[in-house]
Amino acid sequence: MIQKRISIFSIIFITIVITSCDSDRGFAEQISNMPMRHLDNYNFNRENSFSQRLNVSGDMVLSYLQEMDSDPNYSLYDPTESEKVIVEKYFSLLPSYIYDLCKERLAGIYFINDFYSSGLTDFIYGDEGDIYTILVINPSVLEKSVSELFTYKDKSCFKNENSDIRLEIDISDFYRGLLYILLHETAHIVDYVERETPFVHMTMKRLGIVKEGKAAFTDQYWSAYRTPIDTLELKYNDSLRFYTEEDDRLISNRNMISVYKELEKSPFCSLYSTTSWAEDYAEYVSLFYMTQALNLKYNIKIFDNDNLIYEFAPFENEKVLKRADKLKVLSSL
């Protein structure tokens, strides 16, 4: 039965009401009244396999997502038995630190048809107010390879004004896109629980759930949640849009090389990593692990009429590589 538990979370809510402005008080109350924010509603058992956590309390989470994205067409996808095997296998490929944390703090995994992006991590509260999480995945990542998914994502930033220009991001044709999504989204889980960045999402800031002290990985490169420091000179950063059909706001693919040359001069490992400090963290963890632990290549290539005109390997960039020292999640590699 779906229920809203009176617990330490209530104390957190009362504290927010006392210390915040009226708009944030109302926001905190709205959050506290969401059934999907309460661990009790997930029948959570840390001993369950990850495939046993698929679509638990699915109607509740589906309703939340439909309302959040104003999309009534979302629906639950039930993975086949063979796909459940792949889910377990790919979880087993995660860094041990992340795998163990997911066993403890990942309450549910939801495959949602026609989801607007490839994945999403969201937070819920346990009995003592501790952070737990849920993971939302677009089933299309079960079909695409890692290379196909990454190429698709970056291509979504560009308006096709020159049909001769082609982008190809070469990582792996062997692993399915699910591997990248699990690495990326479970890195967000680490961030939610361990607070590696100042906060994962603006929701957390409004609730007053922020990192105390410095964030070693991000402080040097970010002036605000979505704003890299000015000295990085990422002039295209504000124009990046992913998974959108608003073509008039996209960057022309005629400028594609210029966009990636900006990235090449920066300490960031992907275009998506430049969109917020939370995505910077998640992209770095996932791409570092794939290139350094799984020994996968990661090359960005641009072609003109099938002629290679630009190539860049971010993890051959010393500015990118040196940031690994700031991440305890990678210390065991």
C-alpha atoms as a PDB file:
ATOM      1  CA  MET A   1       0.000   0.000   0.000  1.00  0.00           C
ATOM      2  CA  ILE A   2       1.273   3.464  -0.849  1.00  0.00           C
ATOM      3  CA  GLN A   3       1.671   5.545   2.273  1.00  0.00           C
ATOM      4  CA  LYS A   4       3.412   8.698   3.447  1.00  0.00           C
ATOM      5  CA  ARG A   5       5.580   8.004   6.484  1.00  0.00           C
ATOM      6  CA  ILE A   6       5.937  10.459   9.373  1.00  0.00           C
ATOM      7  CA  SER A   7       9.660  10.226  10.170  1.00  0.00           C
ATOM      8  CA  ILE A   8      12.903  12.149  10.312  1.00  0.00           C
ATOM      9  CA  PHE A   9      11.849  13.493   6.909  1.00  0.00           C
ATOM     10  CA  SER A  10       9.113  15.419   8.734  1.00  0.00           C
ATOM     11  CA  ILE A  11      11.757  16.985  10.949  1.00  0.00           C
ATOM     12  CA  ILE A  12      13.731  17.971   7.857  1.00  0.00           C
ATOM     13  CA  PHE A  13      10.587  19.519   6.397  1.00  0.00           C
ATOM     14  CA  ILE A  14       9.893  21.481   9.599  1.00  0.00           C
ATOM     15  CA  THR A  15      13.473  22.777   9.576  1.00  0.00           C
ATOM     16  CA  ILE A  16      13.072  23.945   5.977  1.00  0.00           C
ATOM     17  CA  VAL A  17       9.818  25.709   6.857  1.00  0.00           C
ATOM     18  CA  ILE A  18      11.501  27.573   9.723  1.00  0.00           C
ATOM     19  CA  THR A  19      14.596  28.626   7.773  1.00  0.00           C
ATOM     20  CA  SER A  20      13.361  29.220   4.219  1.00  0.00           C
ATOM     21  CA  CYS A  21      11.252  31.723   2.340  1.00  0.00           C
ATOM     22  CA  ASP A  22       7.555  31.212   1.650  1.00  0.00           C
ATOM     23  CA  SER A  23       8.079  29.887  -1.885  1.00  0.00           C
ATOM     24  CA  ASP A  24      10.553  27.253  -0.705  1.00  0.00           C
ATOM     25  CA  ARG A  25       8.306  26.299   2.212  1.00  0.00           C
ATOM     26  CA  GLY A  26       5.566  25.514  -0.251  1.00  0.00           C
ATOM     27  CA  PHE A  27       8.016  23.630  -2.423  1.00  0.00           C
ATOM     28  CA  ALA A  28       9.226  21.549   0.534  1.00  0.00           C
ATOM     29  CA  GLU A  29       5.646  20.712   1.443  1.00  0.00           C
ATOM     30  CA  GLN A  30       4.953  19.684  -2.154  1.00  0.00           C
ATOM     31  CA  ILE A  31       7.972  17.376  -2.093  1.00  0.00           C
ATOM     32  CA  SER A  32       7.007  15.854   1.256  1.00  0.00           C
ATOM     33  CA  ASN A  33       3.499  15.061  -0.026  1.00  0.00           C
ATOM     34  CA  MET A  34       4.741  13.005  -2.975  1.00  0.00           C
ATOM     35  CA  PRO A  35       4.253   9.272  -2.320  1.00  0.00           C
ATOM     36  CA  MET A  36       7.154   8.450  -4.666  1.00  0.00           C
ATOM     37  CA  ARG A  37       9.550  10.321  -2.351  1.00  0.00           C
ATOM     38  CA  HIS A  38       9.112   7.753   0.449  1.00  0.00           C
ATOM     39  CA  LEU A  39      11.109   4.537   0.616  1.00  0.00           C
ATOM     40  CA  ASP A  40       8.253   2.702   2.372  1.00  0.00           C
ATOM     41  CA  ASN A  41       6.367   2.678  -0.911  1.00  0.00           C
ATOM     42  CA  TYR A  42       8.959   0.566  -2.728  1.00  0.00           C
ATOM     43  CA  ASN A  43       9.079  -2.654  -0.668  1.00  0.00           C
ATOM     44  CA  PHE A  44      12.819  -2.108  -0.643  1.00  0.00           C
ATOM     45  CA  ASN A  45      15.058  -5.046   0.214  1.00  0.00           C
ATOM     46  CA  ARG A  46      18.793  -4.491  -0.198  1.00  0.00           C
ATOM     47  CA  GLU A  47      19.244  -8.244  -0.649  1.00  0.00           C
ATOM     48  CA  ASN A  48      17.174  -8.213  -3.842  1.00  0.00           C
ATOM     49  CA  SER A  49      18.961  -8.527  -7.148  1.00  0.00           C
ATOM     50  CA  PHE A  50      18.777  -5.540  -9.463  1.00  0.00           C
ATOM     51  CA  SER A  51      16.400  -7.366 -11.795  1.00  0.00           C
ATOM     52  CA  GLN A  52      14.075  -7.832  -8.809  1.00  0.00           C
ATOM     53  CA  ARG A  53      13.958  -4.058  -8.429  1.00  0.00           C
ATOM     54  CA  LEU A  54      12.553  -3.530 -11.924  1.00  0.00           C
ATOM     55  CA  ASN A  55       9.282  -1.561 -12.083  1.00  0.00           C
ATOM     56  CA  VAL A  56       8.552  -1.964  -8.347  1.00  0.00           C
ATOM     57  CA  SER A  57       5.544   0.277  -7.549  1.00  0.00           C
ATOM     58  CA  GLY A  58       5.674   1.086 -11.235  1.00  0.00           C
ATOM     59  CA  ASP A  59       2.283   2.798 -11.520  1.00  0.00           C
ATOM     60  CA  MET A  60       3.243   5.269  -8.792  1.00  0.00           C
ATOM     61  CA  VAL A  61       6.514   6.201 -10.477  1.00  0.00           C
ATOM     62  CA  LEU A  62       4.926   6.269 -13.933  1.00  0.00           C
ATOM     63  CA  SER A  63       2.275   8.713 -12.730  1.00  0.00           C
ATOM     64  CA  TYR A  64       4.979  10.949 -11.244  1.00  0.00           C
ATOM     65  CA  LEU A  65       6.979  10.963 -14.488  1.00  0.00           C
ATOM     66  CA  GLN A  66       3.929  11.614 -16.648  1.00  0.00           C
ATOM     67  CA  GLU A  67       3.043  14.622 -14.519  1.00  0.00           C
ATOM     68  CA  MET A  68       6.622  15.901 -14.262  1.00  0.00           C
ATOM     69  CA  ASP A  69       7.143  15.864 -18.045  1.00  0.00           C
ATOM     70  CA  SER A  70       3.533  16.562 -19.004  1.00  0.00           C
ATOM     71  CA  ASP A  71       3.567  13.451 -21.140  1.00  0.00           C
ATOM     72  CA  PRO A  72       0.639  11.033 -20.667  1.00  0.00           C
ATOM     73  CA  ASN A  73       2.099   8.769 -23.364  1.00  0.00           C
ATOM     74  CA  TYR A  74       4.834   7.406 -21.124  1.00  0.00           C
ATOM     75  CA  SER A  75       4.333   3.733 -20.303  1.00  0.00           C
ATOM     76  CA  LEU A  76       6.198   1.033 -18.417  1.00  0.00           C
ATOM     77  CA  TYR A  77       8.352  -1.344 -20.420  1.00  0.00           C
ATOM     78  CA  ASP A  78       8.762  -4.833 -18.998  1.00  0.00           C
ATOM     79  CA  PRO A  79      12.212  -6.174 -19.945  1.00  0.00           C
ATOM     80  CA  THR A  80      12.383  -9.703 -21.335  1.00  0.00           C
ATOM     81  CA  GLU A  81      14.151 -12.415 -19.376  1.00  0.00           C
ATOM     82  CA  SER A  82      17.218 -12.098 -21.577  1.00  0.00           C
ATOM     83  CA  GLU A  83      17.232  -8.332 -21.042  1.00  0.00           C
ATOM     84  CA  LYS A  84      17.043  -8.859 -17.278  1.00  0.00           C
ATOM     85  CA  VAL A  85      20.165 -10.994 -17.553  1.00  0.00           C
ATOM     86  CA  ILE A  86      21.895  -8.108 -19.347  1.00  0.00           C
ATOM     87  CA  VAL A  87      20.786  -5.689 -16.618  1.00  0.00           C
ATOM     88  CA  GLU A  88      22.415  -7.893 -13.976  1.00  0.00           C
ATOM     89  CA  LYS A  89      25.536  -8.385 -16.076  1.00  0.00           C
ATOM     90  CA  TYR A  90      25.994  -4.681 -16.683  1.00  0.00           C
ATOM     91  CA  PHE A  91      25.485  -3.828 -13.016  1.00  0.00           C
ATOM     92  CA  SER A  92      28.256  -6.327 -12.253  1.00  0.00           C
ATOM     93  CA  LEU A  93      30.569  -4.316 -14.543  1.00  0.00           C
ATOM     94  CA  LEU A  94      30.214  -1.166 -12.429  1.00  0.00           C
ATOM     95  CA  PRO A  95      33.068  -0.056 -10.176  1.00  0.00           C
ATOM     96  CA  SER A  96      32.793  -2.040  -6.932  1.00  0.00           C
ATOM     97  CA  TYR A  97      32.274   1.124  -4.884  1.00  0.00           C
ATOM     98  CA  ILE A  98      29.285   2.124  -7.019  1.00  0.00           C
ATOM     99  CA  TYR A  99      27.886  -1.425  -7.181  1.00  0.00           C
ATOM    100  CA  ASP A 100      27.900  -1.718  -3.387  1.00  0.00           C
ATOM    101  CA  LEU A 101      26.294   1.692  -2.958  1.00  0.00           C
ATOM    102  CA  CYS A 102      23.539   0.784  -5.436  1.00  0.00           C
ATOM    103  CA  LYS A 103      22.795  -2.402  -3.502  1.00  0.00           C
ATOM    104  CA  GLU A 104      22.223  -0.215  -0.445  1.00  0.00           C
ATOM    105  CA  ARG A 105      20.556   2.865  -1.916  1.00  0.00           C
ATOM    106  CA  LEU A 106      18.845   2.043  -5.238  1.00  0.00           C
ATOM    107  CA  ALA A 107      15.189   1.263  -4.499  1.00  0.00           C
ATOM    108  CA  GLY A 108      13.760   0.818  -8.008  1.00  0.00           C
ATOM    109  CA  ILE A 109      14.648   0.687 -11.695  1.00  0.00           C
ATOM    110  CA  TYR A 110      12.061   1.743 -14.286  1.00  0.00           C
ATOM    111  CA  PHE A 111      12.136   1.287 -18.043  1.00  0.00           C
ATOM    112  CA  ILE A 112       9.846   3.938 -19.532  1.00  0.00           C
ATOM    113  CA  ASN A 113       8.735   3.859 -23.168  1.00  0.00           C
ATOM    114  CA  ASP A 114       9.258   7.144 -25.053  1.00  0.00           C
ATOM    115  CA  PHE A 115      11.070   8.742 -22.123  1.00  0.00           C
ATOM    116  CA  TYR A 116      12.404  12.154 -23.177  1.00  0.00           C
ATOM    117  CA  SER A 117      16.064  11.283 -22.521  1.00  0.00           C
ATOM    118  CA  SER A 118      18.138   8.148 -22.107  1.00  0.00           C
ATOM    119  CA  GLY A 119      18.050   8.063 -18.325  1.00  0.00           C
ATOM    120  CA  LEU A 120      17.276   9.848 -15.075  1.00  0.00           C
ATOM    121  CA  THR A 121      18.172   9.445 -11.419  1.00  0.00           C
ATOM    122  CA  ASP A 122      15.880  10.863  -8.750  1.00  0.00           C
ATOM    123  CA  PHE A 123      15.967  10.884  -4.970  1.00  0.00           C
ATOM    124  CA  ILE A 124      13.675   9.480  -2.291  1.00  0.00           C
ATOM    125  CA  TYR A 125      13.838   9.489   1.511  1.00  0.00           C
ATOM    126  CA  GLY A 126      14.375   6.576   3.871  1.00  0.00           C
ATOM    127  CA  ASP A 127      12.999   6.209   7.391  1.00  0.00           C
ATOM    128  CA  GLU A 128      15.756   8.293   8.934  1.00  0.00           C
ATOM    129  CA  GLY A 129      15.804  10.927   6.223  1.00  0.00           C
ATOM    130  CA  ASP A 130      18.719   9.286   4.416  1.00  0.00           C
ATOM    131  CA  ILE A 131      18.890   9.659   0.650  1.00  0.00           C
ATOM    132  CA  TYR A 132      17.827   6.699  -1.502  1.00  0.00           C
ATOM    133  CA  THR A 133      17.309   6.750  -5.247  1.00  0.00           C
ATOM    134  CA  ILE A 134      15.359   5.461  -8.215  1.00  0.00           C
ATOM    135  CA  LEU A 135      16.648   4.999 -11.748  1.00  0.00           C
ATOM    136  CA  VAL A 136      14.640   5.669 -14.923  1.00  0.00           C
ATOM    137  CA  ILE A 137      15.871   4.244 -18.239  1.00  0.00           C
ATOM    138  CA  ASN A 138      14.697   4.615 -21.818  1.00  0.00           C
ATOM    139  CA  PRO A 139      14.377   1.067 -23.268  1.00  0.00           C
ATOM    140  CA  SER A 140      16.049   2.233 -26.484  1.00  0.00           C
ATOM    141  CA  VAL A 141      19.420   1.931 -24.736  1.00  0.00           C
ATOM    142  CA  LEU A 142      18.937  -1.848 -24.831  1.00  0.00           C
ATOM    143  CA  GLU A 143      19.060  -1.695 -28.630  1.00  0.00           C
ATOM    144  CA  LYS A 144      21.714   0.938 -29.354  1.00  0.00           C
ATOM    145  CA  SER A 145      25.420   0.301 -28.822  1.00  0.00           C
ATOM    146  CA  VAL A 146      27.387   2.652 -26.585  1.00  0.00           C
ATOM    147  CA  SER A 147      28.815   4.324 -29.707  1.00  0.00           C
ATOM    148  CA  GLU A 148      25.390   4.697 -31.312  1.00  0.00           C
ATOM    149  CA  LEU A 149      23.870   6.147 -28.155  1.00  0.00           C
ATOM    150  CA  PHE A 150      26.678   8.625 -27.555  1.00  0.00           C
ATOM    151  CA  THR A 151      26.637   9.717 -31.201  1.00  0.00           C
ATOM    152  CA  TYR A 152      22.852  10.111 -31.108  1.00  0.00           C
ATOM    153  CA  LYS A 153      23.040  12.219 -27.961  1.00  0.00           C
ATOM    154  CA  ASP A 154      25.690  14.623 -29.262  1.00  0.00           C
ATOM    155  CA  LYS A 155      24.080  14.868 -32.703  1.00  0.00           C
ATOM    156  CA  SER A 156      20.897  16.075 -31.002  1.00  0.00           C
ATOM    157  CA  CYS A 157      22.740  19.352 -30.271  1.00  0.00           C
ATOM    158  CA  PHE A 158      23.176  20.241 -33.924  1.00  0.00           C
ATOM    159  CA  LYS A 159      20.899  21.442 -36.675  1.00  0.00           C
ATOM    160  CA  ASN A 160      21.604  19.555 -39.898  1.00  0.00           C
ATOM    161  CA  GLU A 161      22.369  22.403 -42.297  1.00  0.00           C
ATOM    162  CA  ASN A 162      25.035  20.520 -44.216  1.00  0.00           C
ATOM    163  CA  SER A 163      24.130  16.937 -45.060  1.00  0.00           C
ATOM    164  CA  ASP A 164      27.769  16.145 -45.951  1.00  0.00           C
ATOM    165  CA  ILE A 165      28.872  16.664 -42.325  1.00  0.00           C
ATOM    166  CA  ARG A 166      28.683  13.525 -40.172  1.00  0.00           C
ATOM    167  CA  LEU A 167      29.506  13.024 -36.497  1.00  0.00           C
ATOM    168  CA  GLU A 168      30.700   9.690 -35.149  1.00  0.00           C
ATOM    169  CA  ILE A 169      31.646   9.025 -31.543  1.00  0.00           C
ATOM    170  CA  ASP A 170      33.538   5.788 -31.308  1.00  0.00           C
ATOM    171  CA  ILE A 171      33.465   4.056 -27.902  1.00  0.00           C
ATOM    172  CA  SER A 172      32.131   0.514 -28.228  1.00  0.00           C
ATOM    173  CA  ASP A 173      29.957  -1.393 -30.673  1.00  0.00           C
ATOM    174  CA  PHE A 174      30.117  -4.453 -28.422  1.00  0.00           C
ATOM    175  CA  TYR A 175      28.468  -3.083 -25.288  1.00  0.00           C
ATOM    176  CA  ARG A 176      24.902  -1.832 -25.409  1.00  0.00           C
ATOM    177  CA  GLY A 177      24.092   1.755 -24.537  1.00  0.00           C
ATOM    178  CA  LEU A 178      22.727   0.490 -21.233  1.00  0.00           C
ATOM    179  CA  LEU A 179      26.285   0.243 -19.925  1.00  0.00           C
ATOM    180  CA  TYR A 180      26.955   3.943 -20.421  1.00  0.00           C
ATOM    181  CA  ILE A 181      23.587   4.901 -18.945  1.00  0.00           C
ATOM    182  CA  LEU A 182      24.157   2.741 -15.855  1.00  0.00           C
ATOM    183  CA  LEU A 183      27.613   4.204 -15.323  1.00  0.00           C
ATOM    184  CA  HIS A 184      26.362   7.757 -15.799  1.00  0.00           C
ATOM    185  CA  GLU A 185      23.191   7.496 -13.731  1.00  0.00           C
ATOM    186  CA  THR A 186      24.744   5.498 -10.892  1.00  0.00           C
ATOM    187  CA  ALA A 187      27.448   8.170 -10.677  1.00  0.00           C
ATOM    188  CA  HIS A 188      24.546  10.531  -9.913  1.00  0.00           C
ATOM    189  CA  ILE A 189      23.526   8.083  -7.168  1.00  0.00           C
ATOM    190  CA  VAL A 190      26.994   8.431  -5.637  1.00  0.00           C
ATOM    191  CA  ASP A 191      26.622  12.203  -5.875  1.00  0.00           C
ATOM    192  CA  TYR A 192      23.175  12.193  -4.247  1.00  0.00           C
ATOM    193  CA  VAL A 193      24.362  10.033  -1.352  1.00  0.00           C
ATOM    194  CA  GLU A 194      27.971  11.166  -0.899  1.00  0.00           C
ATOM    195  CA  ARG A 195      27.548  14.781  -2.156  1.00  0.00           C
ATOM    196  CA  GLU A 196      30.575  14.904  -4.412  1.00  0.00           C
ATOM    197  CA  THR A 197      29.333  18.127  -6.033  1.00  0.00           C
ATOM    198  CA  PRO A 198      27.698  21.040  -4.163  1.00  0.00           C
ATOM    199  CA  PHE A 199      24.286  19.594  -5.077  1.00  0.00           C
ATOM    200  CA  VAL A 200      23.018  17.275  -7.807  1.00  0.00           C
ATOM    201  CA  HIS A 201      19.911  19.173  -8.804  1.00  0.00           C
ATOM    202  CA  MET A 202      18.391  22.574  -8.070  1.00  0.00           C
ATOM    203  CA  THR A 203      15.665  20.747  -6.127  1.00  0.00           C
ATOM    204  CA  MET A 204      18.269  19.766  -3.543  1.00  0.00           C
ATOM    205  CA  LYS A 205      19.418  23.357  -3.170  1.00  0.00           C
ATOM    206  CA  ARG A 206      15.870  24.536  -2.572  1.00  0.00           C
ATOM    207  CA  LEU A 207      15.508  21.859   0.091  1.00  0.00           C
ATOM    208  CA  GLY A 208      18.755  22.944   1.728  1.00  0.00           C
ATOM    209  CA  ILE A 209      20.459  19.613   1.012  1.00  0.00           C
ATOM    210  CA  VAL A 210      23.881  20.772  -0.129  1.00  0.00           C
ATOM    211  CA  LYS A 211      27.492  19.770   0.364  1.00  0.00           C
ATOM    212  CA  GLU A 212      29.240  21.360   3.309  1.00  0.00           C
ATOM    213  CA  GLY A 213      32.690  22.670   2.469  1.00  0.00           C
ATOM    214  CA  LYS A 214      34.494  22.495  -0.847  1.00  0.00           C
ATOM    215  CA  ALA A 215      33.717  20.141  -3.723  1.00  0.00           C
ATOM    216  CA  ALA A 216      37.190  19.156  -4.915  1.00  0.00           C
ATOM    217  CA  PHE A 217      36.143  17.936  -8.367  1.00  0.00           C
ATOM    218  CA  THR A 218      34.064  20.946  -9.408  1.00  0.00           C
ATOM    219  CA  ASP A 219      35.076  24.064  -7.471  1.00  0.00           C
ATOM    220  CA  GLN A 220      38.013  24.901  -9.730  1.00  0.00           C
ATOM    221  CA  TYR A 221      35.932  24.826 -12.921  1.00  0.00           C
ATOM    222  CA  TRP A 222      32.420  26.015 -12.048  1.00  0.00           C
ATOM    223  CA  SER A 223      31.153  29.403 -10.872  1.00  0.00           C
ATOM    224  CA  ALA A 224      27.534  28.210 -10.578  1.00  0.00           C
ATOM    225  CA  TYR A 225      25.490  25.055 -11.177  1.00  0.00           C
ATOM    226  CA  ARG A 226      25.213  25.537 -14.955  1.00  0.00           C
ATOM    227  CA  THR A 227      28.031  28.054 -15.438  1.00  0.00           C
ATOM    228  CA  PRO A 228      31.655  27.060 -16.089  1.00  0.00           C
ATOM    229  CA  ILE A 229      34.225  29.643 -15.039  1.00  0.00           C
ATOM    230  CA  ASP A 230      34.727  32.463 -17.562  1.00  0.00           C
ATOM    231  CA  THR A 231      38.372  31.654 -18.244  1.00  0.00           C
ATOM    232  CA  LEU A 232      37.347  28.408 -19.984  1.00  0.00           C
ATOM    233  CA  GLU A 233      35.768  30.514 -22.762  1.00  0.00           C
ATOM    234  CA  LEU A 234      33.053  28.058 -23.772  1.00  0.00           C
ATOM    235  CA  LYS A 235      31.065  30.427 -25.959  1.00  0.00           C
ATOM    236  CA  TYR A 236      28.828  27.668 -27.356  1.00  0.00           C
ATOM    237  CA  ASN A 237      27.971  26.284 -23.935  1.00  0.00           C
ATOM    238  CA  ASP A 238      24.745  28.263 -23.459  1.00  0.00           C
ATOM    239  CA  SER A 239      23.484  27.060 -26.852  1.00  0.00           C
ATOM    240  CA  LEU A 240      23.839  23.338 -26.185  1.00  0.00           C
ATOM    241  CA  ARG A 241      20.492  21.524 -26.210  1.00  0.00           C
ATOM    242  CA  PHE A 242      20.163  17.748 -25.932  1.00  0.00           C
ATOM    243  CA  TYR A 243      17.231  15.540 -26.909  1.00  0.00           C
ATOM    244  CA  THR A 244      15.209  18.417 -28.299  1.00  0.00           C
ATOM    245  CA  GLU A 245      13.229  19.000 -31.471  1.00  0.00           C
ATOM    246  CA  GLU A 246      13.500  22.794 -31.217  1.00  0.00           C
ATOM    247  CA  ASP A 247      15.649  23.091 -34.334  1.00  0.00           C
ATOM    248  CA  ASP A 248      15.671  26.872 -34.322  1.00  0.00           C
ATOM    249  CA  ARG A 249      17.640  26.852 -31.059  1.00  0.00           C
ATOM    250  CA  LEU A 250      20.212  24.248 -32.089  1.00  0.00           C
ATOM    251  CA  ILE A 251      23.781  24.950 -33.210  1.00  0.00           C
ATOM    252  CA  SER A 252      24.376  24.540 -36.931  1.00  0.00           C
ATOM    253  CA  ASN A 253      26.429  21.470 -37.774  1.00  0.00           C
ATOM    254  CA  ARG A 254      28.564  23.807 -39.880  1.00  0.00           C
ATOM    255  CA  ASN A 255      29.996  24.931 -36.513  1.00  0.00           C
ATOM    256  CA  MET A 256      30.507  21.406 -35.194  1.00  0.00           C
ATOM    257  CA  ILE A 257      34.304  21.456 -35.368  1.00  0.00           C
ATOM    258  CA  SER A 258      34.413  24.815 -33.569  1.00  0.00           C
ATOM    259  CA  VAL A 259      32.280  23.404 -30.759  1.00  0.00           C
ATOM    260  CA  TYR A 260      34.536  20.398 -30.256  1.00  0.00           C
ATOM    261  CA  LYS A 261      37.698  22.517 -30.511  1.00  0.00           C
ATOM    262  CA  GLU A 262      36.376  24.497 -27.552  1.00  0.00           C
ATOM    263  CA  LEU A 263      35.888  21.239 -25.695  1.00  0.00           C
ATOM    264  CA  GLU A 264      39.414  20.154 -26.666  1.00  0.00           C
ATOM    265  CA  LYS A 265      40.908  23.177 -24.876  1.00  0.00           C
ATOM    266  CA  SER A 266      38.909  22.545 -21.701  1.00  0.00           C
ATOM    267  CA  PRO A 267      39.140  20.103 -18.759  1.00  0.00           C
ATOM    268  CA  PHE A 268      35.738  18.622 -19.670  1.00  0.00           C
ATOM    269  CA  CYS A 269      35.391  15.162 -21.203  1.00  0.00           C
ATOM    270  CA  SER A 270      32.221  15.585 -23.293  1.00  0.00           C
ATOM    271  CA  LEU A 271      29.783  18.201 -24.500  1.00  0.00           C
ATOM    272  CA  TYR A 272      27.198  16.991 -22.020  1.00  0.00           C
ATOM    273  CA  SER A 273      29.664  17.413 -19.165  1.00  0.00           C
ATOM    274  CA  THR A 274      29.693  21.177 -19.794  1.00  0.00           C
ATOM    275  CA  THR A 275      25.973  21.586 -19.038  1.00  0.00           C
ATOM    276  CA  SER A 276      26.203  21.436 -15.205  1.00  0.00           C
ATOM    277  CA  TRP A 277      28.603  20.391 -12.496  1.00  0.00           C
ATOM    278  CA  ALA A 278      26.423  17.338 -11.779  1.00  0.00           C
ATOM    279  CA  GLU A 279      26.690  16.182 -15.394  1.00  0.00           C
ATOM    280  CA  ASP A 280      30.398  16.981 -15.368  1.00  0.00           C
ATOM    281  CA  TYR A 281      30.827  14.557 -12.468  1.00  0.00           C
ATOM    282  CA  ALA A 282      28.647  11.791 -13.938  1.00  0.00           C
ATOM    283  CA  GLU A 283      30.181  12.012 -17.402  1.00  0.00           C
ATOM    284  CA  TYR A 284      33.694  11.940 -16.028  1.00  0.00           C
ATOM    285  CA  VAL A 285      33.102   8.906 -13.842  1.00  0.00           C
ATOM    286  CA  SER A 286      31.409   6.942 -16.642  1.00  0.00           C
ATOM    287  CA  LEU A 287      33.861   7.836 -19.427  1.00  0.00           C
ATOM    288  CA  PHE A 288      36.966   7.499 -17.280  1.00  0.00           C
ATOM    289  CA  TYR A 289      35.843   4.035 -16.208  1.00  0.00           C
ATOM    290  CA  MET A 290      35.059   2.929 -19.740  1.00  0.00           C
ATOM    291  CA  THR A 291      38.376   4.158 -21.124  1.00  0.00           C
ATOM    292  CA  GLN A 292      40.723   3.381 -18.240  1.00  0.00           C
ATOM    293  CA  ALA A 293      39.183   0.294 -16.595  1.00  0.00           C
ATOM    294  CA  LEU A 294      37.324  -1.365 -19.477  1.00  0.00           C
ATOM    295  CA  ASN A 295      39.975  -0.239 -22.001  1.00  0.00           C
ATOM    296  CA  LEU A 296      37.441   1.142 -24.470  1.00  0.00           C
ATOM    297  CA  LYS A 297      38.430   3.823 -26.937  1.00  0.00           C
ATOM    298  CA  TYR A 298      36.654   7.167 -26.922  1.00  0.00           C
ATOM    299  CA  ASN A 299      37.220   9.130 -30.109  1.00  0.00           C
ATOM    300  CA  ILE A 300      35.159  11.996 -31.475  1.00  0.00           C
ATOM    301  CA  LYS A 301      35.260  12.064 -35.279  1.00  0.00           C
ATOM    302  CA  ILE A 302      33.778  14.446 -37.831  1.00  0.00           C
ATOM    303  CA  PHE A 303      33.532  13.526 -41.497  1.00  0.00           C
ATOM    304  CA  ASP A 304      32.801  15.522 -44.634  1.00  0.00           C
ATOM    305  CA  ASN A 305      31.637  13.276 -47.477  1.00  0.00           C
ATOM    306  CA  ASP A 306      33.177  10.329 -45.628  1.00  0.00           C
ATOM    307  CA  ASN A 307      36.531  12.106 -45.373  1.00  0.00           C
ATOM    308  CA  LEU A 308      37.777  12.426 -41.800  1.00  0.00           C
ATOM    309  CA  ILE A 309      38.266  16.142 -41.134  1.00  0.00           C
ATOM    310  CA  TYR A 310      38.527  16.216 -37.330  1.00  0.00           C
ATOM    311  CA  GLU A 311      39.382  13.757 -34.565  1.00  0.00           C
ATOM    312  CA  PHE A 312      39.767  14.202 -30.816  1.00  0.00           C
ATOM    313  CA  ALA A 313      40.264  11.728 -27.949  1.00  0.00           C
ATOM    314  CA  PRO A 314      39.325  13.538 -24.688  1.00  0.00           C
ATOM    315  CA  PHE A 315      41.105  11.091 -22.393  1.00  0.00           C
ATOM    316  CA  GLU A 316      44.371  11.738 -24.169  1.00  0.00           C
ATOM    317  CA  ASN A 317      44.046  15.327 -22.925  1.00  0.00           C
ATOM    318  CA  GLU A 318      46.147  15.887 -19.801  1.00  0.00           C
ATOM    319  CA  LYS A 319      43.720  18.569 -18.578  1.00  0.00           C
ATOM    320  CA  VAL A 320      41.010  15.907 -18.510  1.00  0.00           C
ATOM    321  CA  LEU A 321      43.060  13.040 -17.109  1.00  0.00           C
ATOM    322  CA  LYS A 322      44.470  14.922 -14.126  1.00  0.00           C
ATOM    323  CA  ARG A 323      40.986  15.477 -12.678  1.00  0.00           C
ATOM    324  CA  ALA A 324      40.731  11.786 -11.741  1.00  0.00           C
ATOM    325  CA  ASP A 325      42.859  12.465  -8.662  1.00  0.00           C
ATOM    326  CA  LYS A 326      39.943  14.403  -7.178  1.00  0.00           C
ATOM    327  CA  LEU A 327      37.499  11.462  -7.288  1.00  0.00           C
ATOM    328  CA  LYS A 328      37.520   8.918  -4.476  1.00  0.00           C
ATOM    329  CA  VAL A 329      35.086   6.719  -6.423  1.00  0.00           C
ATOM    330  CA  LEU A 330      37.901   6.064  -8.904  1.00  0.00           C
ATOM    331  CA  SER A 331      40.655   5.543  -6.329  1.00  0.00           C
ATOM    332  CA  SER A 332      40.389   1.745  -6.481  1.00  0.00           C
ATOM    333  CA  LEU A 333      41.055   1.569 -10.243  1.00  0.00           C
END
